[in-house]
N, C-alpha and C. Protein backbone atom coordinates (compact mmCIF):
# COMPACT_ATOMS: atom_id res chain seq x y z
N MET A 1 0.62 5.93 -20.12
CA MET A 1 0.60 5.93 -18.67
C MET A 1 0.25 7.33 -18.18
N ALA A 2 -0.32 7.36 -16.99
CA ALA A 2 -0.74 8.64 -16.42
C ALA A 2 -0.53 8.63 -14.91
N LEU A 3 -0.20 9.80 -14.40
CA LEU A 3 -0.10 9.94 -12.95
C LEU A 3 -1.51 9.99 -12.37
N ARG A 4 -1.71 9.29 -11.28
CA ARG A 4 -2.98 9.30 -10.58
C ARG A 4 -2.84 10.13 -9.31
N THR A 5 -3.94 10.66 -8.83
CA THR A 5 -3.94 11.43 -7.59
C THR A 5 -4.01 10.48 -6.41
N ILE A 6 -3.10 10.66 -5.47
CA ILE A 6 -3.09 9.86 -4.25
C ILE A 6 -3.97 10.57 -3.22
N ILE A 7 -4.95 9.85 -2.71
CA ILE A 7 -5.84 10.44 -1.70
C ILE A 7 -5.21 10.31 -0.32
N HIS A 8 -5.58 11.20 0.57
CA HIS A 8 -4.97 11.26 1.91
C HIS A 8 -6.01 11.05 3.00
N LEU A 9 -5.52 10.58 4.13
CA LEU A 9 -6.30 10.51 5.35
C LEU A 9 -6.83 11.92 5.63
N PRO A 10 -8.05 12.16 5.98
CA PRO A 10 -9.07 11.21 6.44
C PRO A 10 -10.06 10.75 5.37
N ASP A 11 -9.70 10.77 4.10
CA ASP A 11 -10.62 10.34 3.04
C ASP A 11 -11.21 8.98 3.39
N PRO A 12 -12.55 8.87 3.46
CA PRO A 12 -13.18 7.61 3.90
C PRO A 12 -12.93 6.44 2.94
N ARG A 13 -12.56 6.71 1.70
CA ARG A 13 -12.30 5.61 0.76
C ARG A 13 -11.10 4.77 1.18
N LEU A 14 -10.22 5.34 2.01
CA LEU A 14 -9.07 4.58 2.51
C LEU A 14 -9.48 3.53 3.54
N ARG A 15 -10.68 3.67 4.08
CA ARG A 15 -11.17 2.77 5.14
C ARG A 15 -12.12 1.70 4.61
N GLN A 16 -12.37 1.69 3.31
CA GLN A 16 -13.32 0.73 2.75
C GLN A 16 -12.61 -0.54 2.27
N PRO A 17 -13.13 -1.72 2.63
CA PRO A 17 -12.58 -2.95 2.05
C PRO A 17 -12.78 -2.93 0.54
N THR A 18 -11.88 -3.54 -0.18
CA THR A 18 -11.91 -3.49 -1.64
C THR A 18 -12.57 -4.73 -2.24
N GLU A 19 -12.84 -4.64 -3.53
CA GLU A 19 -13.48 -5.73 -4.27
C GLU A 19 -12.43 -6.55 -5.01
N SER A 20 -12.68 -7.84 -5.13
CA SER A 20 -11.77 -8.72 -5.85
C SER A 20 -11.69 -8.32 -7.32
N VAL A 21 -10.52 -8.52 -7.89
CA VAL A 21 -10.33 -8.31 -9.33
C VAL A 21 -10.78 -9.59 -10.03
N THR A 22 -11.67 -9.45 -11.00
CA THR A 22 -12.16 -10.62 -11.74
C THR A 22 -11.89 -10.52 -13.24
N VAL A 23 -11.60 -9.31 -13.72
CA VAL A 23 -11.36 -9.10 -15.15
C VAL A 23 -9.92 -8.62 -15.34
N PHE A 24 -9.18 -9.35 -16.15
CA PHE A 24 -7.78 -9.03 -16.42
C PHE A 24 -7.68 -8.56 -17.87
N ASP A 25 -8.02 -7.30 -18.08
CA ASP A 25 -8.09 -6.76 -19.42
C ASP A 25 -7.11 -5.59 -19.60
N ALA A 26 -7.20 -4.93 -20.75
CA ALA A 26 -6.31 -3.80 -21.05
C ALA A 26 -6.50 -2.66 -20.05
N GLU A 27 -7.72 -2.48 -19.57
CA GLU A 27 -7.98 -1.42 -18.59
C GLU A 27 -7.22 -1.69 -17.28
N LEU A 28 -7.20 -2.94 -16.86
CA LEU A 28 -6.45 -3.31 -15.65
C LEU A 28 -4.95 -3.10 -15.88
N GLN A 29 -4.47 -3.49 -17.05
CA GLN A 29 -3.04 -3.31 -17.35
C GLN A 29 -2.65 -1.83 -17.31
N ALA A 30 -3.51 -0.98 -17.86
CA ALA A 30 -3.26 0.47 -17.84
C ALA A 30 -3.26 0.99 -16.40
N LEU A 31 -4.19 0.50 -15.59
CA LEU A 31 -4.24 0.90 -14.18
C LEU A 31 -2.95 0.52 -13.46
N ILE A 32 -2.48 -0.69 -13.67
CA ILE A 32 -1.24 -1.15 -13.04
C ILE A 32 -0.07 -0.27 -13.49
N ASP A 33 0.03 0.01 -14.77
CA ASP A 33 1.10 0.87 -15.28
C ASP A 33 1.02 2.27 -14.67
N ASP A 34 -0.20 2.81 -14.58
CA ASP A 34 -0.39 4.13 -13.96
C ASP A 34 0.04 4.11 -12.49
N MET A 35 -0.26 3.02 -11.81
CA MET A 35 0.11 2.91 -10.39
C MET A 35 1.63 2.92 -10.23
N PHE A 36 2.34 2.17 -11.07
CA PHE A 36 3.80 2.18 -10.98
C PHE A 36 4.35 3.58 -11.27
N GLU A 37 3.83 4.21 -12.30
CA GLU A 37 4.31 5.56 -12.63
C GLU A 37 4.05 6.53 -11.47
N THR A 38 2.87 6.45 -10.88
CA THR A 38 2.51 7.31 -9.76
C THR A 38 3.42 7.04 -8.56
N MET A 39 3.61 5.77 -8.22
CA MET A 39 4.45 5.40 -7.08
C MET A 39 5.88 5.89 -7.27
N TYR A 40 6.43 5.66 -8.45
CA TYR A 40 7.81 6.08 -8.71
C TYR A 40 7.94 7.61 -8.69
N SER A 41 6.91 8.30 -9.13
CA SER A 41 6.99 9.77 -9.20
C SER A 41 7.10 10.41 -7.82
N VAL A 42 6.63 9.71 -6.79
CA VAL A 42 6.70 10.24 -5.42
C VAL A 42 7.69 9.44 -4.56
N LYS A 43 8.51 8.64 -5.23
CA LYS A 43 9.57 7.87 -4.57
C LYS A 43 9.05 6.90 -3.51
N GLY A 44 7.90 6.28 -3.81
CA GLY A 44 7.33 5.29 -2.91
C GLY A 44 7.87 3.90 -3.21
N ILE A 45 7.57 2.96 -2.31
CA ILE A 45 7.97 1.57 -2.54
C ILE A 45 6.74 0.65 -2.62
N GLY A 46 5.56 1.21 -2.41
CA GLY A 46 4.33 0.43 -2.51
C GLY A 46 3.15 1.36 -2.71
N LEU A 47 2.13 0.86 -3.40
CA LEU A 47 0.92 1.64 -3.62
C LEU A 47 -0.24 0.66 -3.80
N ALA A 48 -1.31 0.89 -3.07
CA ALA A 48 -2.52 0.07 -3.19
C ALA A 48 -3.58 0.86 -3.94
N ALA A 49 -4.40 0.15 -4.70
CA ALA A 49 -5.43 0.80 -5.50
C ALA A 49 -6.33 1.75 -4.70
N PRO A 50 -6.71 1.43 -3.46
CA PRO A 50 -7.56 2.38 -2.72
C PRO A 50 -6.89 3.75 -2.51
N GLN A 51 -5.56 3.78 -2.56
CA GLN A 51 -4.86 5.05 -2.37
C GLN A 51 -5.03 5.99 -3.56
N ILE A 52 -5.50 5.45 -4.68
CA ILE A 52 -5.82 6.29 -5.83
C ILE A 52 -7.33 6.21 -6.12
N ALA A 53 -8.08 5.91 -5.06
CA ALA A 53 -9.54 5.90 -5.10
C ALA A 53 -10.12 4.83 -6.04
N VAL A 54 -9.44 3.69 -6.13
CA VAL A 54 -9.93 2.56 -6.91
C VAL A 54 -10.15 1.40 -5.94
N SER A 55 -11.38 0.93 -5.84
CA SER A 55 -11.73 -0.11 -4.87
C SER A 55 -11.50 -1.50 -5.44
N LYS A 56 -10.25 -1.85 -5.64
CA LYS A 56 -9.88 -3.17 -6.16
C LYS A 56 -8.79 -3.78 -5.30
N LYS A 57 -8.80 -5.10 -5.19
CA LYS A 57 -7.75 -5.82 -4.45
C LYS A 57 -6.50 -5.88 -5.34
N LEU A 58 -5.81 -4.76 -5.40
CA LEU A 58 -4.64 -4.62 -6.26
C LEU A 58 -3.63 -3.72 -5.56
N ALA A 59 -2.40 -4.20 -5.48
CA ALA A 59 -1.31 -3.39 -4.93
C ALA A 59 -0.05 -3.68 -5.73
N ILE A 60 0.84 -2.70 -5.74
CA ILE A 60 2.12 -2.87 -6.41
C ILE A 60 3.23 -2.53 -5.43
N ILE A 61 4.38 -3.15 -5.64
CA ILE A 61 5.52 -2.96 -4.74
C ILE A 61 6.81 -3.00 -5.57
N ASP A 62 7.76 -2.17 -5.18
CA ASP A 62 9.13 -2.27 -5.69
C ASP A 62 10.06 -1.70 -4.62
N VAL A 63 10.71 -2.58 -3.87
CA VAL A 63 11.60 -2.13 -2.80
C VAL A 63 13.05 -2.01 -3.27
N SER A 64 13.29 -2.23 -4.57
CA SER A 64 14.65 -2.14 -5.10
C SER A 64 15.06 -0.67 -5.26
N ASP A 65 16.36 -0.43 -5.30
CA ASP A 65 16.87 0.93 -5.50
C ASP A 65 16.80 1.35 -6.96
N ASP A 66 16.77 0.38 -7.87
CA ASP A 66 16.85 0.70 -9.30
C ASP A 66 15.58 0.36 -10.08
N ARG A 67 14.46 0.21 -9.39
CA ARG A 67 13.17 -0.09 -10.02
C ARG A 67 13.18 -1.40 -10.81
N SER A 68 13.92 -2.37 -10.31
CA SER A 68 14.10 -3.61 -11.06
C SER A 68 13.32 -4.80 -10.50
N THR A 69 12.64 -4.62 -9.38
CA THR A 69 11.97 -5.75 -8.74
C THR A 69 10.50 -5.43 -8.53
N THR A 70 9.79 -5.25 -9.62
CA THR A 70 8.38 -4.92 -9.52
C THR A 70 7.57 -6.15 -9.11
N LEU A 71 6.58 -5.89 -8.30
CA LEU A 71 5.71 -6.95 -7.81
C LEU A 71 4.27 -6.45 -7.89
N CYS A 72 3.42 -7.24 -8.48
CA CYS A 72 2.01 -6.91 -8.60
C CYS A 72 1.22 -7.94 -7.79
N LEU A 73 0.45 -7.44 -6.82
CA LEU A 73 -0.35 -8.30 -5.95
C LEU A 73 -1.83 -8.10 -6.30
N ILE A 74 -2.44 -9.10 -6.86
CA ILE A 74 -3.86 -9.03 -7.16
C ILE A 74 -4.57 -10.12 -6.35
N ASN A 75 -5.61 -9.71 -5.64
CA ASN A 75 -6.37 -10.61 -4.76
C ASN A 75 -5.44 -11.37 -3.80
N PRO A 76 -4.53 -10.64 -3.14
CA PRO A 76 -3.55 -11.32 -2.28
C PRO A 76 -4.14 -11.80 -0.96
N THR A 77 -3.57 -12.89 -0.47
CA THR A 77 -3.92 -13.45 0.82
C THR A 77 -2.64 -13.87 1.52
N LEU A 78 -2.52 -13.50 2.79
CA LEU A 78 -1.40 -14.00 3.58
C LEU A 78 -1.73 -15.42 4.02
N VAL A 79 -0.89 -16.36 3.62
CA VAL A 79 -1.11 -17.77 3.91
C VAL A 79 -0.47 -18.14 5.25
N GLU A 80 0.68 -17.53 5.51
CA GLU A 80 1.42 -17.87 6.72
C GLU A 80 2.31 -16.68 7.07
N LYS A 81 2.57 -16.52 8.36
CA LYS A 81 3.52 -15.50 8.79
C LYS A 81 4.23 -15.98 10.05
N GLN A 82 5.46 -15.48 10.20
CA GLN A 82 6.27 -15.90 11.33
C GLN A 82 7.08 -14.73 11.87
N GLY A 83 7.35 -14.78 13.17
CA GLY A 83 8.19 -13.79 13.81
C GLY A 83 7.53 -12.43 13.88
N GLU A 84 8.27 -11.48 14.43
CA GLU A 84 7.77 -10.10 14.50
C GLU A 84 8.96 -9.16 14.57
N ALA A 85 8.82 -8.04 13.88
CA ALA A 85 9.85 -7.01 13.89
C ALA A 85 9.19 -5.64 13.84
N LEU A 86 9.86 -4.68 14.45
CA LEU A 86 9.42 -3.28 14.38
C LEU A 86 10.23 -2.59 13.29
N LEU A 87 9.55 -2.02 12.32
CA LEU A 87 10.21 -1.20 11.30
C LEU A 87 9.47 0.11 11.20
N LYS A 88 10.21 1.16 10.90
CA LYS A 88 9.58 2.47 10.72
C LYS A 88 8.84 2.46 9.39
N GLU A 89 7.57 2.88 9.45
CA GLU A 89 6.73 2.93 8.26
C GLU A 89 6.27 4.34 8.00
N GLY A 90 6.00 4.58 6.74
CA GLY A 90 5.34 5.79 6.30
C GLY A 90 4.29 5.35 5.29
N CYS A 91 3.53 6.31 4.80
CA CYS A 91 2.48 5.98 3.85
C CYS A 91 2.22 7.17 2.95
N LEU A 92 2.10 6.92 1.65
CA LEU A 92 1.85 8.00 0.70
C LEU A 92 0.52 8.70 0.97
N SER A 93 -0.40 8.01 1.64
CA SER A 93 -1.70 8.61 1.96
C SER A 93 -1.71 9.30 3.32
N ILE A 94 -0.58 9.25 4.01
CA ILE A 94 -0.46 9.91 5.31
C ILE A 94 0.88 10.66 5.30
N PRO A 95 0.97 11.71 4.48
CA PRO A 95 2.26 12.37 4.26
C PRO A 95 2.86 12.96 5.54
N GLY A 96 4.19 12.76 5.66
CA GLY A 96 4.92 13.35 6.77
C GLY A 96 4.86 12.59 8.07
N VAL A 97 4.16 11.47 8.12
CA VAL A 97 4.00 10.70 9.35
C VAL A 97 4.78 9.39 9.22
N TYR A 98 5.62 9.14 10.20
CA TYR A 98 6.43 7.91 10.24
C TYR A 98 6.44 7.39 11.67
N ASP A 99 6.32 6.07 11.81
CA ASP A 99 6.42 5.49 13.14
C ASP A 99 6.70 4.00 13.00
N GLU A 100 7.18 3.40 14.08
CA GLU A 100 7.47 1.98 14.08
C GLU A 100 6.18 1.18 14.24
N VAL A 101 6.07 0.12 13.43
CA VAL A 101 4.89 -0.73 13.44
C VAL A 101 5.35 -2.18 13.52
N PRO A 102 4.70 -2.98 14.38
CA PRO A 102 5.06 -4.40 14.44
C PRO A 102 4.43 -5.17 13.27
N ARG A 103 5.26 -5.91 12.59
CA ARG A 103 4.79 -6.75 11.48
C ARG A 103 5.53 -8.08 11.54
N ALA A 104 4.99 -9.08 10.87
CA ALA A 104 5.67 -10.37 10.77
C ALA A 104 6.99 -10.20 10.03
N LEU A 105 8.00 -10.92 10.49
CA LEU A 105 9.33 -10.91 9.86
C LEU A 105 9.33 -11.63 8.53
N TRP A 106 8.53 -12.67 8.42
CA TRP A 106 8.48 -13.53 7.24
C TRP A 106 7.02 -13.79 6.91
N VAL A 107 6.68 -13.77 5.62
CA VAL A 107 5.32 -14.06 5.19
C VAL A 107 5.33 -14.97 3.97
N LYS A 108 4.25 -15.71 3.85
CA LYS A 108 3.98 -16.48 2.63
C LYS A 108 2.67 -15.94 2.09
N LEU A 109 2.68 -15.61 0.82
CA LEU A 109 1.58 -14.92 0.17
C LEU A 109 1.05 -15.74 -0.99
N SER A 110 -0.24 -15.71 -1.18
CA SER A 110 -0.88 -16.28 -2.36
C SER A 110 -1.57 -15.12 -3.07
N ALA A 111 -1.35 -15.00 -4.37
CA ALA A 111 -1.93 -13.88 -5.12
C ALA A 111 -2.01 -14.25 -6.60
N GLN A 112 -2.47 -13.28 -7.39
CA GLN A 112 -2.45 -13.42 -8.84
C GLN A 112 -1.55 -12.32 -9.39
N ASP A 113 -0.89 -12.61 -10.52
CA ASP A 113 -0.07 -11.60 -11.16
C ASP A 113 -0.94 -10.74 -12.09
N ARG A 114 -0.31 -9.82 -12.79
CA ARG A 114 -1.08 -8.88 -13.62
C ARG A 114 -1.85 -9.55 -14.75
N ASP A 115 -1.50 -10.80 -15.08
CA ASP A 115 -2.21 -11.55 -16.12
C ASP A 115 -3.23 -12.52 -15.55
N GLY A 116 -3.38 -12.52 -14.22
CA GLY A 116 -4.35 -13.39 -13.58
C GLY A 116 -3.81 -14.74 -13.18
N GLN A 117 -2.52 -14.97 -13.42
CA GLN A 117 -1.92 -16.26 -13.06
C GLN A 117 -1.65 -16.32 -11.56
N PRO A 118 -2.10 -17.39 -10.90
CA PRO A 118 -1.85 -17.52 -9.46
C PRO A 118 -0.37 -17.79 -9.17
N TYR A 119 0.09 -17.28 -8.05
CA TYR A 119 1.45 -17.55 -7.61
C TYR A 119 1.52 -17.47 -6.10
N GLU A 120 2.58 -18.06 -5.57
CA GLU A 120 2.89 -17.94 -4.15
C GLU A 120 4.26 -17.30 -4.03
N LEU A 121 4.46 -16.58 -2.94
CA LEU A 121 5.72 -15.89 -2.72
C LEU A 121 6.04 -15.91 -1.24
N GLU A 122 7.29 -16.18 -0.92
CA GLU A 122 7.77 -16.06 0.44
C GLU A 122 8.65 -14.82 0.49
N ALA A 123 8.49 -14.02 1.55
CA ALA A 123 9.26 -12.78 1.66
C ALA A 123 9.64 -12.55 3.11
N GLU A 124 10.74 -11.81 3.28
CA GLU A 124 11.16 -11.45 4.63
C GLU A 124 11.66 -10.01 4.62
N GLY A 125 11.91 -9.49 5.81
CA GLY A 125 12.46 -8.14 5.94
C GLY A 125 11.55 -7.06 5.38
N LEU A 126 12.15 -6.09 4.69
CA LEU A 126 11.41 -4.94 4.16
C LEU A 126 10.30 -5.36 3.22
N LEU A 127 10.56 -6.33 2.35
CA LEU A 127 9.53 -6.77 1.40
C LEU A 127 8.34 -7.36 2.15
N ALA A 128 8.58 -8.18 3.15
CA ALA A 128 7.49 -8.76 3.94
C ALA A 128 6.69 -7.66 4.63
N HIS A 129 7.40 -6.69 5.17
CA HIS A 129 6.78 -5.56 5.85
C HIS A 129 5.87 -4.79 4.88
N CYS A 130 6.40 -4.52 3.70
CA CYS A 130 5.67 -3.76 2.69
C CYS A 130 4.43 -4.53 2.20
N ILE A 131 4.58 -5.83 1.99
CA ILE A 131 3.45 -6.65 1.56
C ILE A 131 2.31 -6.55 2.58
N GLN A 132 2.64 -6.64 3.85
CA GLN A 132 1.61 -6.56 4.90
C GLN A 132 0.95 -5.19 4.92
N HIS A 133 1.75 -4.14 4.74
CA HIS A 133 1.23 -2.76 4.72
C HIS A 133 0.22 -2.61 3.57
N GLU A 134 0.59 -3.10 2.38
CA GLU A 134 -0.29 -2.94 1.21
C GLU A 134 -1.55 -3.79 1.34
N ILE A 135 -1.43 -5.00 1.87
CA ILE A 135 -2.63 -5.84 2.07
C ILE A 135 -3.56 -5.18 3.08
N ASP A 136 -3.00 -4.55 4.10
CA ASP A 136 -3.85 -3.81 5.04
C ASP A 136 -4.68 -2.76 4.30
N HIS A 137 -4.05 -2.04 3.37
CA HIS A 137 -4.81 -1.04 2.59
C HIS A 137 -6.00 -1.68 1.89
N LEU A 138 -5.83 -2.87 1.37
CA LEU A 138 -6.91 -3.53 0.64
C LEU A 138 -8.07 -3.93 1.55
N ASN A 139 -7.78 -3.97 2.85
CA ASN A 139 -8.80 -4.31 3.85
C ASN A 139 -9.28 -3.10 4.64
N GLY A 140 -8.92 -1.90 4.19
CA GLY A 140 -9.38 -0.68 4.85
C GLY A 140 -8.64 -0.35 6.12
N ARG A 141 -7.44 -0.88 6.27
CA ARG A 141 -6.64 -0.63 7.48
C ARG A 141 -5.40 0.17 7.11
N LEU A 142 -5.01 1.10 7.99
CA LEU A 142 -3.84 1.95 7.77
C LEU A 142 -2.81 1.69 8.86
N PHE A 143 -1.55 2.01 8.56
CA PHE A 143 -0.50 1.73 9.54
C PHE A 143 -0.70 2.48 10.84
N VAL A 144 -1.35 3.63 10.80
CA VAL A 144 -1.59 4.39 12.03
C VAL A 144 -2.55 3.67 12.97
N ASP A 145 -3.30 2.69 12.44
CA ASP A 145 -4.21 1.91 13.29
C ASP A 145 -3.45 1.07 14.31
N TYR A 146 -2.17 0.83 14.06
CA TYR A 146 -1.33 0.05 14.98
C TYR A 146 -0.74 0.93 16.09
N LEU A 147 -0.91 2.24 15.97
CA LEU A 147 -0.33 3.17 16.93
C LEU A 147 -1.28 3.43 18.09
N SER A 148 -0.76 4.01 19.16
CA SER A 148 -1.59 4.38 20.30
C SER A 148 -2.56 5.49 19.88
N PRO A 149 -3.66 5.67 20.61
CA PRO A 149 -4.60 6.74 20.28
C PRO A 149 -3.92 8.12 20.23
N LEU A 150 -3.00 8.39 21.13
CA LEU A 150 -2.30 9.67 21.12
C LEU A 150 -1.49 9.84 19.85
N LYS A 151 -0.75 8.81 19.44
CA LYS A 151 0.06 8.90 18.22
C LYS A 151 -0.83 9.01 16.98
N ARG A 152 -1.98 8.34 16.99
CA ARG A 152 -2.92 8.47 15.86
C ARG A 152 -3.42 9.90 15.73
N GLU A 153 -3.74 10.52 16.86
CA GLU A 153 -4.22 11.91 16.84
C GLU A 153 -3.12 12.84 16.36
N LEU A 154 -1.89 12.62 16.82
CA LEU A 154 -0.76 13.44 16.35
C LEU A 154 -0.57 13.27 14.85
N ALA A 155 -0.73 12.05 14.35
CA ALA A 155 -0.60 11.80 12.91
C ALA A 155 -1.68 12.55 12.14
N ARG A 156 -2.92 12.51 12.64
CA ARG A 156 -4.02 13.21 11.97
C ARG A 156 -3.73 14.70 11.89
N LYS A 157 -3.25 15.27 12.99
CA LYS A 157 -2.93 16.70 13.01
C LYS A 157 -1.78 17.03 12.05
N LYS A 158 -0.80 16.16 11.99
CA LYS A 158 0.34 16.40 11.10
C LYS A 158 -0.11 16.37 9.63
N VAL A 159 -0.99 15.44 9.28
CA VAL A 159 -1.51 15.37 7.91
C VAL A 159 -2.28 16.64 7.58
N SER A 160 -3.12 17.10 8.51
CA SER A 160 -3.88 18.34 8.27
C SER A 160 -2.94 19.52 8.07
N LYS A 161 -1.90 19.61 8.88
CA LYS A 161 -0.94 20.69 8.76
C LYS A 161 -0.19 20.63 7.44
N THR A 162 0.21 19.43 7.05
CA THR A 162 0.93 19.24 5.78
C THR A 162 0.03 19.64 4.61
N LYS A 163 -1.23 19.24 4.65
CA LYS A 163 -2.16 19.57 3.56
C LYS A 163 -2.39 21.07 3.49
N ARG A 164 -2.48 21.74 4.64
CA ARG A 164 -2.66 23.19 4.65
C ARG A 164 -1.45 23.88 4.01
N ARG A 165 -0.25 23.41 4.37
CA ARG A 165 0.98 23.99 3.82
C ARG A 165 1.04 23.81 2.31
N GLN A 166 0.50 22.70 1.82
CA GLN A 166 0.52 22.42 0.39
C GLN A 166 -0.68 23.03 -0.32
N GLY A 167 -1.55 23.69 0.45
CA GLY A 167 -2.71 24.35 -0.13
C GLY A 167 -3.83 23.39 -0.48
N GLY A 168 -3.85 22.22 0.17
CA GLY A 168 -4.86 21.22 -0.19
C GLY A 168 -6.01 21.08 0.77
N ALA A 169 -6.09 21.83 1.85
CA ALA A 169 -7.20 21.62 2.77
C ALA A 169 -7.80 22.94 3.13
């Protein structure tokens, strides 16, 4: 396993729709393992392949406190959603920025697991919120897109400032 570099806004690769996964081989398994290692290393609860500059419909999630509930979403589609709730979101590709975003309270998802087997999943609360956030990444959408233009601009400035402090811009 290896740590991957997480790319940050305004990297244009975060805005590109991704390609479907069609090959479920050892390379894909290594990528998934690398993604979990990378996500855990920065204390995240979700990571989409575009965030590590890989244009694939692949995201991973673990909202548990003890890393015991791993979820791999390959070629996911939201089949149904209900209700709406505001939860504070952040994003590993937009460091230091947090804001409330409206998302469905409950979702039904169709996807493939890491071996290519299709499955359906119903989720609510934080897991439902996270699933929607990661699927947005696969479609080139970021959580800041749900914010007002003023809040988006403040987020952009905060990311630039954070990158300068870290010596990355």
